């Protein structure tokens, strides 16, 4: 009797497990989803970094020859408008505000550049990633442009993190 109960329990668990597996969505894999996942993971960190810096420190630069914090944020904004605008086929690519603009204006422009990139990354598929897109005088694949943007944003996030640390602020990826 005891063996029958254990066997029944195992069978029910197995059936339940198969039911859960059958109901779970298939994992999304492939190059388009990989770049989207990296972009989506990085995006909130860059935005939070810009939001965390006090407005009074947007003109901070560690030494005279280095860009201000605002310039780094605006650099991300302009690069994203350029790359994601090209991926979206936009003719009128938006520009970032002046580096001396207030924090709210600079952060709003950064978020708008991410809105443009959300469209671009959301439209990537494994079948269209090899299409060539014109950016300035160059042609690049969609996947090359998308990964280039992720790489660039990673580099700029590292710089923003350094500026935050110099001001005694923990970067988003170091928050506990």
Protein backbone atom coordinates (compact mmCIF):
# COMPACT_ATOMS: atom_id res chain seq x y z
CA UNK A 1 0.00 0.00 0.00
CA UNK A 2 2.82 2.33 0.90
CA UNK A 3 4.57 1.64 -2.47
CA UNK A 4 1.37 2.36 -4.36
CA UNK A 5 1.02 5.75 -2.61
CA UNK A 6 4.62 6.70 -3.41
CA UNK A 7 4.21 5.58 -7.03
CA UNK A 8 0.98 7.57 -7.34
CA UNK A 9 2.62 10.65 -5.84
CA UNK A 10 5.56 10.42 -8.23
CA UNK A 11 3.20 9.97 -11.17
CA UNK A 12 1.14 13.01 -10.14
CA UNK A 13 4.27 15.10 -9.73
CA UNK A 14 5.51 14.00 -13.12
CA UNK A 15 2.17 14.78 -14.78
CA UNK A 16 2.04 18.12 -12.98
CA UNK A 17 5.58 18.89 -14.07
CA UNK A 18 4.80 18.11 -17.70
CA UNK A 19 1.70 20.28 -17.49
CA UNK A 20 3.78 23.19 -16.17
CA UNK A 21 6.37 22.71 -18.90
CA UNK A 22 3.68 22.57 -21.57
CA UNK A 23 2.08 25.77 -20.25
CA UNK A 24 5.32 27.74 -19.97
CA UNK A 25 6.23 29.87 -22.96
CA UNK A 26 9.16 28.64 -24.99
CA UNK A 27 12.36 30.49 -24.13
CA UNK A 28 13.24 33.16 -26.62
CA UNK A 29 16.61 32.50 -28.15
CA UNK A 30 18.62 33.74 -31.08
CA UNK A 31 20.71 36.75 -31.95
CA UNK A 32 17.85 39.26 -32.00
CA UNK A 33 16.64 38.27 -28.53
CA UNK A 34 20.21 38.21 -27.19
CA UNK A 35 20.89 41.80 -28.19
CA UNK A 36 17.44 42.87 -26.96
CA UNK A 37 18.12 41.24 -23.58
CA UNK A 38 21.49 43.03 -23.23
CA UNK A 39 19.97 46.37 -24.27
CA UNK A 40 17.02 45.93 -21.88
CA UNK A 41 19.31 45.06 -18.97
CA UNK A 42 21.57 48.07 -19.52
CA UNK A 43 18.87 50.68 -20.22
CA UNK A 44 17.58 51.16 -16.65
CA UNK A 45 21.12 51.47 -15.30
CA UNK A 46 22.00 54.36 -17.60
CA UNK A 47 18.72 56.13 -16.87
CA UNK A 48 19.08 55.61 -13.10
CA UNK A 49 22.66 56.88 -13.22
CA UNK A 50 21.46 60.12 -14.80
CA UNK A 51 18.60 60.39 -12.32
CA UNK A 52 20.84 59.75 -9.29
CA UNK A 53 23.29 62.56 -9.97
CA UNK A 54 22.13 65.75 -8.24
CA UNK A 55 21.36 68.60 -10.61
CA UNK A 56 24.11 70.71 -9.05
CA UNK A 57 26.64 68.09 -10.20
CA UNK A 58 25.57 67.79 -13.83
CA UNK A 59 28.39 70.19 -14.72
CA UNK A 60 30.91 68.20 -12.66
CA UNK A 61 34.02 66.92 -14.38
CA UNK A 62 36.83 65.16 -12.55
CA UNK A 63 39.56 67.24 -14.22
CA UNK A 64 39.56 70.12 -16.65
CA UNK A 65 40.22 68.02 -19.78
CA UNK A 66 37.36 65.56 -19.11
CA UNK A 67 33.72 65.90 -20.20
CA UNK A 68 31.06 67.02 -17.76
CA UNK A 69 28.54 64.50 -16.46
CA UNK A 70 25.87 66.25 -18.56
CA UNK A 71 28.04 65.89 -21.69
CA UNK A 72 28.40 62.14 -21.11
CA UNK A 73 24.62 61.75 -20.73
CA UNK A 74 24.03 63.87 -23.83
CA UNK A 75 26.61 61.82 -25.71
CA UNK A 76 24.58 58.66 -24.99
CA UNK A 77 21.45 60.50 -26.09
CA UNK A 78 22.89 61.70 -29.40
CA UNK A 79 24.47 58.34 -30.21
CA UNK A 80 21.21 56.51 -29.54
CA UNK A 81 19.15 58.94 -31.59
CA UNK A 82 21.62 58.50 -34.43
CA UNK A 83 21.91 54.68 -34.34
CA UNK A 84 18.32 53.82 -33.42
CA UNK A 85 16.96 56.54 -35.69
CA UNK A 86 18.86 54.92 -38.58
CA UNK A 87 17.56 51.46 -37.58
CA UNK A 88 14.03 52.89 -37.56
CA UNK A 89 14.51 54.66 -40.88
CA UNK A 90 13.91 58.07 -39.30
CA UNK A 91 14.77 60.99 -41.53
CA UNK A 92 14.69 63.66 -38.83
CA UNK A 93 16.95 62.44 -36.08
CA UNK A 94 16.43 64.28 -32.78
CA UNK A 95 19.25 66.16 -31.12
CA UNK A 96 20.17 66.26 -27.43
CA UNK A 97 19.74 69.47 -25.44
CA UNK A 98 22.63 71.77 -24.65
CA UNK A 99 25.10 70.40 -22.13
CA UNK A 100 24.19 73.36 -19.90
CA UNK A 101 20.46 72.52 -19.90
CA UNK A 102 18.85 71.60 -16.60
CA UNK A 103 18.82 68.02 -15.33
CA UNK A 104 15.13 67.46 -16.14
CA UNK A 105 15.65 68.43 -19.78
CA UNK A 106 18.75 66.26 -20.17
CA UNK A 107 17.12 63.22 -18.51
CA UNK A 108 13.95 63.67 -20.60
CA UNK A 109 16.03 63.67 -23.78
CA UNK A 110 17.89 60.55 -22.63
CA UNK A 111 14.57 58.79 -22.03
CA UNK A 112 13.32 59.92 -25.45
CA UNK A 113 16.43 58.39 -27.05
CA UNK A 114 15.62 55.13 -25.26
CA UNK A 115 12.06 55.33 -26.61
CA UNK A 116 13.56 55.51 -30.11
CA UNK A 117 15.80 52.54 -29.32
CA UNK A 118 12.92 50.56 -27.81
CA UNK A 119 11.26 50.69 -31.23
CA UNK A 120 14.47 49.72 -33.02
CA UNK A 121 15.33 46.79 -30.76
CA UNK A 122 11.70 45.66 -30.64
CA UNK A 123 11.65 45.42 -34.43
CA UNK A 124 14.78 43.24 -34.66
CA UNK A 125 14.16 39.67 -35.74
CA UNK A 126 16.52 36.84 -36.52
CA UNK A 127 15.50 37.19 -40.15
CA UNK A 128 16.08 40.96 -40.50
CA UNK A 129 19.29 41.35 -38.47
CA UNK A 130 21.50 40.85 -41.51
CA UNK A 131 19.82 43.65 -43.49
CA UNK A 132 22.16 46.49 -44.24
CA UNK A 133 21.27 49.96 -42.97
CA UNK A 134 22.88 53.23 -43.95
CA UNK A 135 24.34 55.33 -41.17
CA UNK A 136 26.03 58.42 -42.51
CA UNK A 137 28.31 57.26 -45.30
CA UNK A 138 28.57 53.71 -43.97
CA UNK A 139 26.41 50.64 -44.27
CA UNK A 140 26.20 48.20 -41.38
CA UNK A 141 24.03 45.24 -40.53
CA UNK A 142 21.17 45.81 -38.13
CA UNK A 143 22.74 43.44 -35.62
CA UNK A 144 26.12 45.18 -35.93
CA UNK A 145 24.54 48.55 -35.23
CA UNK A 146 22.49 47.19 -32.34
CA UNK A 147 25.48 45.49 -30.66
CA UNK A 148 27.59 48.57 -31.31
CA UNK A 149 25.02 50.67 -29.46
CA UNK A 150 24.95 48.25 -26.51
CA UNK A 151 28.74 48.27 -26.38
CA UNK A 152 28.83 52.06 -26.49
CA UNK A 153 26.20 52.37 -23.76
CA UNK A 154 28.16 49.95 -21.56
CA UNK A 155 31.27 52.07 -21.97
CA UNK A 156 29.41 55.28 -21.17
CA UNK A 157 27.67 53.69 -18.17
CA UNK A 158 31.09 52.85 -16.75
CA UNK A 159 32.07 56.49 -17.09
CA UNK A 160 28.83 57.70 -15.49
CA UNK A 161 29.42 55.25 -12.63
CA UNK A 162 32.88 56.70 -12.04
CA UNK A 163 31.47 60.23 -11.87
CA UNK A 164 28.82 59.07 -9.38
CA UNK A 165 31.45 57.35 -7.22
CA UNK A 166 33.61 60.48 -7.23
CA UNK A 167 30.60 62.28 -5.77
CA UNK A 168 30.08 59.56 -3.13
CA UNK A 169 27.02 58.08 -4.85
CA UNK A 170 26.68 54.34 -5.48
CA UNK A 171 26.00 53.54 -9.15
CA UNK A 172 22.77 51.64 -9.89
CA UNK A 173 24.55 48.32 -10.39
CA UNK A 174 26.16 48.63 -6.95
CA UNK A 175 22.99 49.41 -4.99
CA UNK A 176 22.01 46.96 -2.30
